[in-house]
N, C-alpha and C. Protein backbone atom coordinates (compact mmCIF):
# COMPACT_ATOMS: atom_id res chain seq x y z
N UNK A 1 41.23 96.44 -37.03
CA UNK A 1 42.55 96.83 -37.49
C UNK A 1 42.55 96.84 -39.01
N UNK A 2 43.25 97.80 -39.57
CA UNK A 2 43.31 97.91 -41.03
C UNK A 2 44.25 96.85 -41.61
N UNK A 3 44.23 96.73 -42.93
CA UNK A 3 45.04 95.73 -43.61
C UNK A 3 46.53 95.92 -43.36
N UNK A 4 46.96 97.17 -43.24
CA UNK A 4 48.38 97.44 -43.03
C UNK A 4 48.76 97.50 -41.55
N UNK A 5 47.84 97.20 -40.66
CA UNK A 5 48.13 97.20 -39.23
C UNK A 5 48.06 98.56 -38.57
N UNK A 6 47.67 99.57 -39.32
CA UNK A 6 47.59 100.93 -38.77
C UNK A 6 46.33 101.11 -37.93
N UNK A 7 46.52 101.58 -36.72
CA UNK A 7 45.41 101.96 -35.86
C UNK A 7 45.59 103.43 -35.50
N UNK A 8 44.62 104.28 -35.88
CA UNK A 8 44.79 105.72 -35.65
C UNK A 8 44.74 106.11 -34.18
N UNK A 9 45.50 107.14 -33.87
CA UNK A 9 45.46 107.76 -32.55
C UNK A 9 44.60 109.01 -32.70
N UNK A 10 43.51 109.05 -31.98
CA UNK A 10 42.56 110.16 -32.09
C UNK A 10 42.45 110.86 -30.74
N UNK A 11 42.53 112.17 -30.77
CA UNK A 11 42.31 112.97 -29.58
C UNK A 11 40.89 113.52 -29.65
N UNK A 12 40.13 113.31 -28.60
CA UNK A 12 38.76 113.81 -28.55
C UNK A 12 38.62 114.88 -27.48
N UNK A 13 38.21 116.06 -27.89
CA UNK A 13 37.90 117.13 -26.93
C UNK A 13 36.40 117.07 -26.69
N UNK A 14 35.99 116.62 -25.50
CA UNK A 14 34.59 116.39 -25.19
C UNK A 14 34.09 117.38 -24.14
N UNK A 15 32.95 117.98 -24.44
CA UNK A 15 32.28 118.91 -23.52
C UNK A 15 31.97 118.19 -22.21
N UNK A 16 32.29 118.84 -21.12
CA UNK A 16 32.08 118.27 -19.79
C UNK A 16 30.61 118.01 -19.48
N UNK A 17 29.72 118.79 -20.06
CA UNK A 17 28.31 118.72 -19.70
C UNK A 17 27.48 117.78 -20.58
N UNK A 18 27.89 117.56 -21.80
CA UNK A 18 27.07 116.73 -22.70
C UNK A 18 27.83 115.55 -23.28
N UNK A 19 28.86 115.81 -24.04
CA UNK A 19 29.55 114.74 -24.77
C UNK A 19 30.31 113.79 -23.86
N UNK A 20 30.97 114.31 -22.84
CA UNK A 20 31.70 113.44 -21.92
C UNK A 20 30.74 112.50 -21.19
N UNK A 21 29.61 113.00 -20.66
CA UNK A 21 28.64 112.07 -20.07
C UNK A 21 28.05 111.10 -21.09
N UNK A 22 27.94 111.53 -22.37
CA UNK A 22 27.48 110.63 -23.42
C UNK A 22 28.46 109.48 -23.62
N UNK A 23 29.75 109.80 -23.56
CA UNK A 23 30.79 108.77 -23.66
C UNK A 23 30.74 107.85 -22.44
N UNK A 24 30.53 108.44 -21.28
CA UNK A 24 30.43 107.66 -20.04
C UNK A 24 29.23 106.70 -20.10
N UNK A 25 28.11 107.21 -20.62
CA UNK A 25 26.92 106.38 -20.74
C UNK A 25 27.16 105.21 -21.70
N UNK A 26 27.87 105.47 -22.78
CA UNK A 26 28.20 104.39 -23.72
C UNK A 26 29.04 103.32 -23.02
N UNK A 27 29.98 103.75 -22.21
CA UNK A 27 30.81 102.80 -21.49
C UNK A 27 30.05 102.01 -20.44
N UNK A 28 29.24 102.70 -19.64
CA UNK A 28 28.49 102.00 -18.59
C UNK A 28 27.39 101.12 -19.18
N UNK A 29 26.94 101.45 -20.38
CA UNK A 29 25.94 100.62 -21.07
C UNK A 29 26.60 99.47 -21.83
N UNK A 30 27.92 99.44 -21.79
CA UNK A 30 28.72 98.40 -22.46
C UNK A 30 28.47 98.33 -23.96
N UNK A 31 28.31 99.51 -24.56
CA UNK A 31 28.18 99.59 -26.02
C UNK A 31 29.60 99.61 -26.58
N UNK A 32 29.88 98.72 -27.49
CA UNK A 32 31.24 98.61 -28.06
C UNK A 32 31.51 99.73 -29.06
N UNK A 33 32.70 100.31 -28.95
CA UNK A 33 33.18 101.29 -29.91
C UNK A 33 34.71 101.24 -29.92
N UNK A 34 35.33 101.73 -30.97
CA UNK A 34 36.79 101.64 -31.07
C UNK A 34 37.49 102.35 -29.92
N UNK A 35 38.55 101.75 -29.40
CA UNK A 35 39.28 102.36 -28.28
C UNK A 35 40.35 103.35 -28.74
N UNK A 36 40.29 103.82 -29.97
CA UNK A 36 41.33 104.67 -30.53
C UNK A 36 41.33 106.09 -30.00
N UNK A 37 40.19 106.54 -29.47
CA UNK A 37 40.09 107.94 -29.05
C UNK A 37 40.54 108.11 -27.60
N UNK A 38 41.39 109.11 -27.40
CA UNK A 38 41.79 109.51 -26.06
C UNK A 38 40.92 110.72 -25.71
N UNK A 39 39.97 110.54 -24.77
CA UNK A 39 39.07 111.67 -24.46
C UNK A 39 39.73 112.68 -23.53
N UNK A 40 39.55 113.94 -23.87
CA UNK A 40 40.00 115.03 -23.02
C UNK A 40 38.77 115.86 -22.68
N UNK A 41 38.47 115.94 -21.41
CA UNK A 41 37.28 116.67 -20.97
C UNK A 41 37.59 118.16 -20.91
N UNK A 42 36.77 118.94 -21.60
CA UNK A 42 36.89 120.40 -21.58
C UNK A 42 35.57 120.95 -21.03
N UNK A 43 35.62 122.12 -20.45
CA UNK A 43 34.39 122.67 -19.87
C UNK A 43 33.35 122.98 -20.94
N UNK A 44 33.79 123.33 -22.14
CA UNK A 44 32.87 123.67 -23.22
C UNK A 44 33.62 123.50 -24.53
N UNK A 45 32.91 123.06 -25.56
CA UNK A 45 33.56 122.94 -26.87
C UNK A 45 34.07 124.30 -27.35
N UNK A 46 33.45 125.36 -26.88
CA UNK A 46 33.88 126.71 -27.23
C UNK A 46 35.24 127.07 -26.67
N UNK A 47 35.73 126.28 -25.73
CA UNK A 47 37.05 126.52 -25.13
C UNK A 47 38.15 125.80 -25.88
N UNK A 48 37.79 125.02 -26.89
CA UNK A 48 38.80 124.30 -27.69
C UNK A 48 39.36 125.28 -28.71
N UNK A 49 40.56 125.73 -28.46
CA UNK A 49 41.18 126.73 -29.33
C UNK A 49 41.86 126.05 -30.52
N UNK A 50 42.07 126.78 -31.58
CA UNK A 50 42.84 126.23 -32.70
C UNK A 50 44.21 125.74 -32.27
N UNK A 51 44.82 126.43 -31.31
CA UNK A 51 46.13 126.01 -30.81
C UNK A 51 46.06 124.62 -30.18
N UNK A 52 45.00 124.32 -29.46
CA UNK A 52 44.85 123.00 -28.84
C UNK A 52 44.77 121.91 -29.91
N UNK A 53 44.03 122.18 -30.96
CA UNK A 53 43.89 121.21 -32.04
C UNK A 53 45.23 121.00 -32.74
N UNK A 54 45.91 122.09 -33.05
CA UNK A 54 47.21 121.99 -33.71
C UNK A 54 48.24 121.29 -32.83
N UNK A 55 48.19 121.52 -31.53
CA UNK A 55 49.09 120.84 -30.61
C UNK A 55 48.81 119.34 -30.58
N UNK A 56 47.54 118.96 -30.68
CA UNK A 56 47.20 117.53 -30.71
C UNK A 56 47.82 116.87 -31.94
N UNK A 57 47.71 117.53 -33.08
CA UNK A 57 48.33 116.98 -34.30
C UNK A 57 49.85 116.94 -34.16
N UNK A 58 50.43 118.00 -33.62
CA UNK A 58 51.87 118.07 -33.46
C UNK A 58 52.37 116.98 -32.50
N UNK A 59 51.54 116.62 -31.53
CA UNK A 59 51.91 115.60 -30.55
C UNK A 59 51.73 114.18 -31.07
N UNK A 60 51.25 114.04 -32.31
CA UNK A 60 51.16 112.71 -32.90
C UNK A 60 49.77 112.18 -33.15
N UNK A 61 48.74 112.99 -32.94
CA UNK A 61 47.38 112.53 -33.23
C UNK A 61 47.18 112.41 -34.74
N UNK A 62 46.48 111.37 -35.14
CA UNK A 62 46.14 111.19 -36.55
C UNK A 62 44.81 111.86 -36.87
N UNK A 63 44.02 112.15 -35.84
CA UNK A 63 42.74 112.82 -36.01
C UNK A 63 42.32 113.50 -34.73
N UNK A 64 41.50 114.53 -34.86
CA UNK A 64 40.98 115.25 -33.70
C UNK A 64 39.47 115.35 -33.84
N UNK A 65 38.78 114.95 -32.79
CA UNK A 65 37.32 114.97 -32.75
C UNK A 65 36.88 115.93 -31.66
N UNK A 66 36.11 116.93 -32.03
CA UNK A 66 35.58 117.90 -31.08
C UNK A 66 34.09 117.62 -30.92
N UNK A 67 33.65 117.38 -29.69
CA UNK A 67 32.24 117.11 -29.44
C UNK A 67 31.70 118.09 -28.41
N UNK A 68 30.50 118.56 -28.67
CA UNK A 68 29.89 119.52 -27.76
C UNK A 68 28.39 119.33 -27.66
N UNK A 69 27.77 120.21 -26.89
CA UNK A 69 26.32 120.21 -26.72
C UNK A 69 25.65 120.60 -28.05
N UNK A 70 24.43 120.15 -28.23
CA UNK A 70 23.67 120.56 -29.41
C UNK A 70 23.46 122.08 -29.37
N UNK A 71 23.34 122.67 -30.55
CA UNK A 71 23.09 124.11 -30.64
C UNK A 71 21.81 124.43 -29.85
N UNK A 72 21.91 125.43 -29.01
CA UNK A 72 20.77 125.82 -28.18
C UNK A 72 20.78 125.16 -26.81
N UNK A 73 21.65 124.17 -26.59
CA UNK A 73 21.70 123.46 -25.31
C UNK A 73 22.99 123.70 -24.54
N UNK A 74 23.82 124.62 -25.00
CA UNK A 74 25.10 124.88 -24.34
C UNK A 74 24.87 125.41 -22.93
N UNK A 75 25.59 124.87 -21.97
CA UNK A 75 25.49 125.32 -20.59
C UNK A 75 26.06 126.72 -20.39
N UNK A 76 26.84 127.17 -21.37
CA UNK A 76 27.42 128.50 -21.31
C UNK A 76 26.80 129.42 -22.36
N UNK A 77 25.60 129.12 -22.75
CA UNK A 77 24.79 129.90 -23.69
C UNK A 77 25.26 129.87 -25.14
N UNK A 78 26.50 130.31 -25.39
CA UNK A 78 26.92 130.45 -26.79
C UNK A 78 28.26 129.80 -27.11
N UNK A 79 28.74 128.93 -26.25
CA UNK A 79 30.03 128.30 -26.48
C UNK A 79 30.06 127.49 -27.77
N UNK A 80 29.00 126.73 -28.02
CA UNK A 80 29.00 125.92 -29.23
C UNK A 80 28.80 126.77 -30.48
N UNK A 81 28.27 127.97 -30.34
CA UNK A 81 28.19 128.89 -31.48
C UNK A 81 29.60 129.32 -31.89
N UNK A 82 30.45 129.51 -30.90
CA UNK A 82 31.85 129.86 -31.17
C UNK A 82 32.54 128.69 -31.88
N UNK A 83 32.24 127.48 -31.42
CA UNK A 83 32.86 126.29 -32.01
C UNK A 83 32.43 126.09 -33.46
N UNK A 84 31.15 126.28 -33.73
CA UNK A 84 30.65 126.05 -35.09
C UNK A 84 31.23 127.07 -36.08
N UNK A 85 31.67 128.21 -35.59
CA UNK A 85 32.33 129.19 -36.45
C UNK A 85 33.81 128.88 -36.60
N UNK A 86 34.41 128.39 -35.53
CA UNK A 86 35.85 128.19 -35.47
C UNK A 86 36.33 126.96 -36.26
N UNK A 87 35.60 125.86 -36.16
CA UNK A 87 36.07 124.60 -36.75
C UNK A 87 36.18 124.67 -38.28
N UNK A 88 35.20 125.22 -39.00
CA UNK A 88 35.39 125.32 -40.46
C UNK A 88 36.62 126.15 -40.86
N UNK A 89 36.90 127.20 -40.12
CA UNK A 89 38.09 128.00 -40.40
C UNK A 89 39.36 127.19 -40.14
N UNK A 90 39.33 126.42 -39.08
CA UNK A 90 40.47 125.59 -38.74
C UNK A 90 40.68 124.47 -39.77
N UNK A 91 39.58 123.92 -40.28
CA UNK A 91 39.68 122.90 -41.34
C UNK A 91 40.34 123.51 -42.59
N UNK A 92 40.00 124.75 -42.93
CA UNK A 92 40.64 125.43 -44.06
C UNK A 92 42.13 125.62 -43.80
N UNK A 93 42.48 126.00 -42.59
CA UNK A 93 43.88 126.19 -42.22
C UNK A 93 44.65 124.87 -42.35
N UNK A 94 44.05 123.78 -41.90
CA UNK A 94 44.70 122.47 -42.01
C UNK A 94 44.98 122.13 -43.47
N UNK A 95 43.97 122.36 -44.33
CA UNK A 95 44.14 122.09 -45.75
C UNK A 95 45.27 122.91 -46.34
N UNK A 96 45.36 124.16 -45.93
CA UNK A 96 46.43 125.04 -46.40
C UNK A 96 47.79 124.53 -45.95
N UNK A 97 47.84 123.93 -44.75
CA UNK A 97 49.09 123.41 -44.20
C UNK A 97 49.44 122.02 -44.73
N UNK A 98 48.58 121.47 -45.59
CA UNK A 98 48.86 120.17 -46.17
C UNK A 98 48.31 118.99 -45.39
N UNK A 99 47.43 119.26 -44.44
CA UNK A 99 46.80 118.20 -43.66
C UNK A 99 45.36 118.07 -44.14
N UNK A 100 44.95 116.86 -44.43
CA UNK A 100 43.59 116.62 -44.90
C UNK A 100 42.59 117.13 -43.87
N UNK A 101 41.68 118.03 -44.25
CA UNK A 101 40.70 118.58 -43.30
C UNK A 101 39.78 117.52 -42.70
N UNK A 102 39.67 116.35 -43.33
CA UNK A 102 38.83 115.28 -42.79
C UNK A 102 39.41 114.69 -41.52
N UNK A 103 40.62 115.09 -41.16
CA UNK A 103 41.22 114.62 -39.91
C UNK A 103 40.68 115.38 -38.70
N UNK A 104 39.87 116.38 -38.93
CA UNK A 104 39.22 117.15 -37.86
C UNK A 104 37.73 117.06 -38.06
N UNK A 105 37.02 116.68 -37.01
CA UNK A 105 35.55 116.58 -37.10
C UNK A 105 34.91 117.22 -35.89
N UNK A 106 33.78 117.85 -36.12
CA UNK A 106 32.96 118.44 -35.08
C UNK A 106 31.64 117.70 -35.05
N UNK A 107 31.18 117.35 -33.84
CA UNK A 107 29.90 116.65 -33.71
C UNK A 107 29.21 117.10 -32.43
N UNK A 108 27.89 117.07 -32.47
CA UNK A 108 27.08 117.42 -31.30
C UNK A 108 26.53 116.13 -30.70
N UNK A 109 26.82 115.89 -29.43
CA UNK A 109 26.36 114.68 -28.74
C UNK A 109 25.92 115.08 -27.34
N UNK A 110 24.67 114.76 -27.00
CA UNK A 110 24.18 115.10 -25.66
C UNK A 110 24.49 113.97 -24.69
N UNK A 111 24.26 114.22 -23.42
CA UNK A 111 24.55 113.25 -22.37
C UNK A 111 23.72 111.97 -22.51
N UNK A 112 22.57 112.06 -23.13
CA UNK A 112 21.69 110.90 -23.27
C UNK A 112 21.87 110.16 -24.60
N UNK A 113 22.84 110.58 -25.41
CA UNK A 113 23.00 110.02 -26.74
C UNK A 113 24.22 109.10 -26.85
N UNK A 114 24.26 108.08 -26.02
CA UNK A 114 25.36 107.12 -26.09
C UNK A 114 25.46 106.47 -27.47
N UNK A 115 24.34 106.03 -28.07
CA UNK A 115 24.45 105.44 -29.41
C UNK A 115 25.01 106.41 -30.45
N UNK A 116 24.66 107.69 -30.33
CA UNK A 116 25.21 108.68 -31.26
C UNK A 116 26.70 108.85 -31.03
N UNK A 117 27.13 108.88 -29.77
CA UNK A 117 28.55 108.98 -29.46
C UNK A 117 29.31 107.82 -30.12
N UNK A 118 28.78 106.63 -29.97
CA UNK A 118 29.42 105.44 -30.55
C UNK A 118 29.46 105.54 -32.07
N UNK A 119 28.37 105.98 -32.69
CA UNK A 119 28.31 106.10 -34.15
C UNK A 119 29.35 107.11 -34.66
N UNK A 120 29.38 108.28 -34.04
CA UNK A 120 30.32 109.33 -34.47
C UNK A 120 31.76 108.87 -34.28
N UNK A 121 32.05 108.28 -33.13
CA UNK A 121 33.41 107.82 -32.84
C UNK A 121 33.83 106.72 -33.81
N UNK A 122 32.94 105.79 -34.08
CA UNK A 122 33.24 104.69 -35.00
C UNK A 122 33.46 105.20 -36.42
N UNK A 123 32.56 106.07 -36.89
CA UNK A 123 32.70 106.62 -38.24
C UNK A 123 34.00 107.41 -38.39
N UNK A 124 34.32 108.22 -37.39
CA UNK A 124 35.52 109.04 -37.47
C UNK A 124 36.78 108.17 -37.43
N UNK A 125 36.77 107.14 -36.61
CA UNK A 125 37.91 106.23 -36.55
C UNK A 125 38.12 105.56 -37.90
N UNK A 126 37.04 105.14 -38.55
CA UNK A 126 37.15 104.53 -39.88
C UNK A 126 37.68 105.52 -40.90
N UNK A 127 37.21 106.75 -40.84
CA UNK A 127 37.68 107.79 -41.77
C UNK A 127 39.18 108.00 -41.63
N UNK A 128 39.63 108.14 -40.39
CA UNK A 128 41.06 108.38 -40.15
C UNK A 128 41.88 107.14 -40.51
N UNK A 129 41.34 105.98 -40.24
CA UNK A 129 42.04 104.74 -40.60
C UNK A 129 42.26 104.68 -42.12
N UNK A 130 41.24 105.07 -42.88
CA UNK A 130 41.37 105.09 -44.34
C UNK A 130 42.38 106.12 -44.82
N UNK A 131 42.47 107.25 -44.11
CA UNK A 131 43.43 108.30 -44.48
C UNK A 131 44.87 107.87 -44.22
N UNK A 132 45.05 106.98 -43.26
CA UNK A 132 46.40 106.52 -42.92
C UNK A 132 47.05 107.42 -41.89
N UNK A 133 48.29 107.10 -41.53
CA UNK A 133 48.98 107.90 -40.51
C UNK A 133 49.24 109.33 -40.96
N UNK A 134 49.08 110.25 -40.06
CA UNK A 134 49.35 111.66 -40.37
C UNK A 134 50.82 111.86 -40.74
N UNK A 135 51.69 111.15 -40.08
CA UNK A 135 53.12 111.29 -40.37
C UNK A 135 53.43 110.95 -41.83
N UNK A 136 52.72 109.99 -42.38
CA UNK A 136 52.89 109.61 -43.78
C UNK A 136 52.39 110.72 -44.70
N UNK A 137 51.27 111.33 -44.34
CA UNK A 137 50.70 112.43 -45.14
C UNK A 137 51.63 113.63 -45.12
N UNK A 138 52.17 113.95 -43.96
CA UNK A 138 53.07 115.10 -43.83
C UNK A 138 54.37 114.83 -44.58
N UNK A 139 54.89 113.61 -44.50
CA UNK A 139 56.12 113.26 -45.21
C UNK A 139 55.92 113.38 -46.72
N UNK A 140 54.74 112.99 -47.20
CA UNK A 140 54.42 113.11 -48.62
C UNK A 140 54.42 114.58 -49.04
N UNK A 141 53.87 115.45 -48.19
CA UNK A 141 53.83 116.88 -48.48
C UNK A 141 55.25 117.46 -48.53
N UNK A 142 56.11 117.01 -47.60
CA UNK A 142 57.49 117.52 -47.58
C UNK A 142 58.24 117.13 -48.84
N UNK A 143 58.04 115.90 -49.33
CA UNK A 143 58.68 115.45 -50.57
C UNK A 143 58.19 116.30 -51.74
N UNK A 144 56.89 116.56 -51.79
CA UNK A 144 56.32 117.37 -52.86
C UNK A 144 56.90 118.79 -52.85
N UNK A 145 57.07 119.37 -51.64
CA UNK A 145 57.65 120.72 -51.54
C UNK A 145 59.11 120.73 -51.98
N UNK A 146 59.86 119.69 -51.66
CA UNK A 146 61.25 119.62 -52.07
C UNK A 146 61.37 119.51 -53.58
N UNK A 147 60.47 118.73 -54.19
CA UNK A 147 60.48 118.59 -55.65
C UNK A 147 60.18 119.91 -56.34
N UNK A 148 59.30 120.71 -55.76
CA UNK A 148 58.96 122.01 -56.34
C UNK A 148 60.17 122.95 -56.25
N UNK A 149 60.90 122.89 -55.13
CA UNK A 149 62.07 123.75 -54.94
C UNK A 149 63.19 123.43 -55.93
N UNK A 150 63.32 122.16 -56.25
CA UNK A 150 64.40 121.73 -57.16
C UNK A 150 64.03 122.05 -58.54
């Protein structure tokens, strides 16, 4: 827990074929990692649309983590190629909207990489914890916009 008591709420979109089993392996292996992420199983990281990410933020997520198969290992051939193109564009859009792009992360985790899953999840949780609540960041942006208008 952070000094101010803030614990981030993170939504994780995990590939059904690689990242979700990696998370499962971490759990069954009893490897400790922060419980802040709510995993959502998707058939492919390529199916995670910008709208889904924006809805997660709108619903109160402080961070969104997208995990998929390593490049070249996608069960749908090119789904993760779509993701690797989409996420940087979405990070730019978030920055334009006043949301720190570091609140969105993309990572490749295979079914056999439980330690990597734990590392990525832990690092991202720490990053978001340091950024603070999204609601605070958005409120700061609204105050700045009001000051510009006046």
